[in-house]
Amino acid sequence: MDERVTDRVLYDILIQAGRVVDLYIPRDRDTDKPKGYAFAEYETEEIAEYAVKLFSGLVTLYNRTLKFAVCPLFSHPFLSFLLYYR
């Protein structure tokens, strides 16, 4: 993601699908720039799946279209999804 994308910008988008429990944007240790992806966690599996359907291919930030997918990286895989840019 573009380095201008903040937690707050993503949160304001993602909250439109349902309550966001957690949001994390990994950053490079040396440069502190975003690595190009983020993790978001919703309250339920249904909300996470709805968010993926709702946002996939529709969210563009700073000329980069975000892609959304459910991923099993948190302890409750069905509650979280990965977003990244192409």
Protein backbone atom coordinates (compact mmCIF):
# COMPACT_ATOMS: atom_id res chain seq x y z
CA MET A 1 0.00 0.00 0.00
CA ASP A 2 1.01 3.56 -0.43
CA GLU A 3 2.77 4.95 2.63
CA ARG A 4 0.05 7.61 2.93
CA VAL A 5 -2.52 4.92 3.79
CA THR A 6 -3.01 5.01 7.55
CA ASP A 7 -4.79 2.73 10.00
CA ARG A 8 -7.53 5.35 10.26
CA VAL A 9 -8.08 5.53 6.49
CA LEU A 10 -8.45 1.75 6.26
CA TYR A 11 -10.60 1.58 9.38
CA ASP A 12 -12.98 4.20 7.99
CA ILE A 13 -13.44 2.06 4.88
CA LEU A 14 -13.65 -1.34 6.58
CA ILE A 15 -16.13 -0.28 9.27
CA GLN A 16 -18.73 0.08 6.51
CA ALA A 17 -19.04 -3.73 6.42
CA GLY A 18 -19.26 -4.25 10.19
CA ARG A 19 -17.40 -3.83 13.48
CA VAL A 20 -13.62 -4.08 13.00
CA VAL A 21 -12.08 -5.90 15.98
CA ASP A 22 -8.44 -5.46 14.95
CA LEU A 23 -6.48 -3.85 12.14
CA TYR A 24 -2.75 -4.27 11.53
CA ILE A 25 -0.54 -2.83 8.78
CA PRO A 26 2.91 -4.51 8.86
CA ARG A 27 5.79 -2.10 8.33
CA ASP A 28 9.38 -2.54 7.23
CA ARG A 29 11.72 -2.40 10.23
CA ASP A 30 14.29 -0.23 8.51
CA THR A 31 12.13 2.24 6.59
CA ASP A 32 8.87 2.08 8.60
CA LYS A 33 7.00 2.01 5.29
CA PRO A 34 4.04 -0.35 4.85
CA LYS A 35 4.95 -3.74 3.40
CA GLY A 36 2.00 -3.60 1.01
CA TYR A 37 -0.64 -5.57 2.89
CA ALA A 38 -2.75 -5.40 6.02
CA PHE A 39 -4.80 -7.68 8.25
CA ALA A 40 -8.27 -6.89 9.52
CA GLU A 41 -10.43 -8.88 11.91
CA TYR A 42 -14.23 -8.72 12.11
CA GLU A 43 -16.57 -10.05 14.80
CA THR A 44 -18.04 -12.89 12.75
CA GLU A 45 -17.33 -15.09 9.78
CA GLU A 46 -20.34 -13.69 7.97
CA ILE A 47 -19.14 -10.10 8.31
CA ALA A 48 -15.64 -11.01 7.11
CA GLU A 49 -17.04 -12.80 4.06
CA TYR A 50 -19.41 -9.91 3.39
CA ALA A 51 -16.50 -7.43 3.59
CA VAL A 52 -14.49 -9.44 1.05
CA LYS A 53 -17.44 -9.50 -1.36
CA LEU A 54 -18.29 -5.86 -0.75
CA PHE A 55 -14.81 -4.39 -1.15
CA SER A 56 -13.05 -6.69 -3.65
CA GLY A 57 -12.07 -4.74 -6.75
CA LEU A 58 -13.89 -1.62 -5.58
CA VAL A 59 -11.43 0.10 -3.24
CA THR A 60 -8.64 2.16 -4.78
CA LEU A 61 -6.30 4.23 -2.63
CA TYR A 62 -3.64 6.42 -4.21
CA ASN A 63 -4.03 4.70 -7.59
CA ARG A 64 -3.73 1.18 -6.16
CA THR A 65 -6.69 -1.19 -6.15
CA LEU A 66 -6.89 -3.27 -3.00
CA LYS A 67 -7.64 -6.98 -3.14
CA PHE A 68 -9.40 -8.74 -0.27
CA ALA A 69 -9.37 -12.39 0.78
CA VAL A 70 -10.18 -14.39 3.91
CA CYS A 71 -6.97 -15.77 5.37
CA PRO A 72 -6.14 -18.22 8.19
CA LEU A 73 -3.39 -16.21 9.88
CA PHE A 74 -5.16 -15.23 13.09
CA SER A 75 -6.29 -17.66 15.77
CA HIS A 76 -9.83 -17.43 14.36
CA PRO A 77 -9.24 -17.60 10.60
CA PHE A 78 -12.86 -17.03 9.66
CA LEU A 79 -12.91 -13.69 11.45
CA SER A 80 -10.04 -12.14 9.58
CA PHE A 81 -9.04 -11.23 6.09
CA LEU A 82 -6.01 -10.01 4.25
CA LEU A 83 -6.00 -6.98 2.06
CA TYR A 84 -3.22 -6.20 -0.35
CA TYR A 85 -2.63 -4.22 -3.51
CA ARG A 86 -1.89 -5.32 -7.03
